[in-house]
Amino acid sequence: MIIYTYSKARQKLLSLLDNAKKEGEILIKRKDGSYFIVRPLNRPKSPLDVKGVDVKLSSDDIINAIREIRERG
């Protein structure tokens, strides 16, 4: 487990966060001897968070398709 001093953690925050993501968690030690844990938050993804599909349709194509469907019904 990687341990940063408070001073190093302040100076190298980006590196600290990258290491926490890679290692799972990082410790920060203060001068008074207290320790703190930094770890990435694993947030669950939404089932609706899906990659889009490029169907190569213009807005005019979509509008025309909608008009055509409305005329049928």
Protein backbone atom coordinates (compact mmCIF):
# COMPACT_ATOMS: atom_id res chain seq x y z
CA MET A 1 0.00 0.00 0.00
CA ILE A 2 1.30 3.44 -0.92
CA ILE A 3 1.65 6.02 1.86
CA TYR A 4 1.96 9.74 1.13
CA THR A 5 2.83 12.41 3.64
CA TYR A 6 0.33 15.25 3.81
CA SER A 7 2.80 17.58 2.06
CA LYS A 8 3.46 15.13 -0.79
CA ALA A 9 -0.27 14.44 -1.16
CA ARG A 10 -0.91 18.16 -1.64
CA GLN A 11 1.91 18.50 -4.18
CA LYS A 12 1.06 15.35 -6.16
CA LEU A 13 -2.73 15.13 -5.96
CA LEU A 14 -3.17 13.99 -9.57
CA SER A 15 -0.58 11.23 -9.13
CA LEU A 16 -2.15 10.25 -5.80
CA LEU A 17 -5.60 9.87 -7.39
CA ASP A 18 -4.18 7.85 -10.28
CA ASN A 19 -2.41 5.55 -7.83
CA ALA A 20 -5.57 5.17 -5.73
CA LYS A 21 -7.48 4.13 -8.85
CA LYS A 22 -4.77 1.62 -9.78
CA GLU A 23 -3.99 0.26 -6.29
CA GLY A 24 -7.44 0.45 -4.72
CA GLU A 25 -6.56 2.80 -1.89
CA ILE A 26 -3.82 5.16 -0.70
CA LEU A 27 -2.90 6.26 2.81
CA ILE A 28 -2.07 9.83 3.75
CA LYS A 29 -0.13 10.36 6.98
CA ARG A 30 -0.21 13.64 8.85
CA LYS A 31 2.51 14.96 11.14
CA ASP A 32 0.40 14.13 14.20
CA GLY A 33 0.48 10.46 13.17
CA SER A 34 -3.12 10.22 11.99
CA TYR A 35 -3.86 8.38 8.76
CA PHE A 36 -6.52 8.89 6.12
CA ILE A 37 -7.58 6.59 3.30
CA VAL A 38 -8.23 7.78 -0.25
CA ARG A 39 -9.98 5.25 -2.46
CA PRO A 40 -11.99 5.46 -5.66
CA LEU A 41 -15.75 5.38 -5.41
CA ASN A 42 -17.26 2.61 -7.52
CA ARG A 43 -20.63 3.96 -8.51
CA PRO A 44 -23.05 1.53 -10.12
CA LYS A 45 -23.87 2.34 -13.72
CA SER A 46 -27.41 2.87 -14.87
CA PRO A 47 -28.84 0.12 -17.07
CA LEU A 48 -29.96 2.97 -19.33
CA ASP A 49 -26.37 4.14 -19.80
CA VAL A 50 -25.75 2.54 -23.18
CA LYS A 51 -23.53 3.54 -26.06
CA GLY A 52 -25.32 5.33 -28.89
CA VAL A 53 -25.64 3.92 -32.39
CA ASP A 54 -24.79 6.10 -35.37
CA VAL A 55 -27.51 5.42 -37.94
CA LYS A 56 -26.34 8.25 -40.20
CA LEU A 57 -29.74 9.94 -40.41
CA SER A 58 -30.15 13.67 -40.77
CA SER A 59 -32.75 15.57 -38.83
CA ASP A 60 -34.73 15.92 -42.09
CA ASP A 61 -34.74 12.11 -42.52
CA ILE A 62 -36.08 11.68 -38.99
CA ILE A 63 -38.77 14.36 -39.43
CA ASN A 64 -39.88 12.83 -42.73
CA ALA A 65 -40.11 9.37 -41.14
CA ILE A 66 -42.23 10.75 -38.29
CA ARG A 67 -44.56 12.54 -40.73
CA GLU A 68 -44.93 9.37 -42.78
CA ILE A 69 -45.85 7.32 -39.69
CA ARG A 70 -48.37 9.97 -38.57
CA GLU A 71 -50.03 10.03 -42.00
CA ARG A 72 -50.59 6.25 -41.85
CA GLY A 73 -52.36 6.35 -38.52
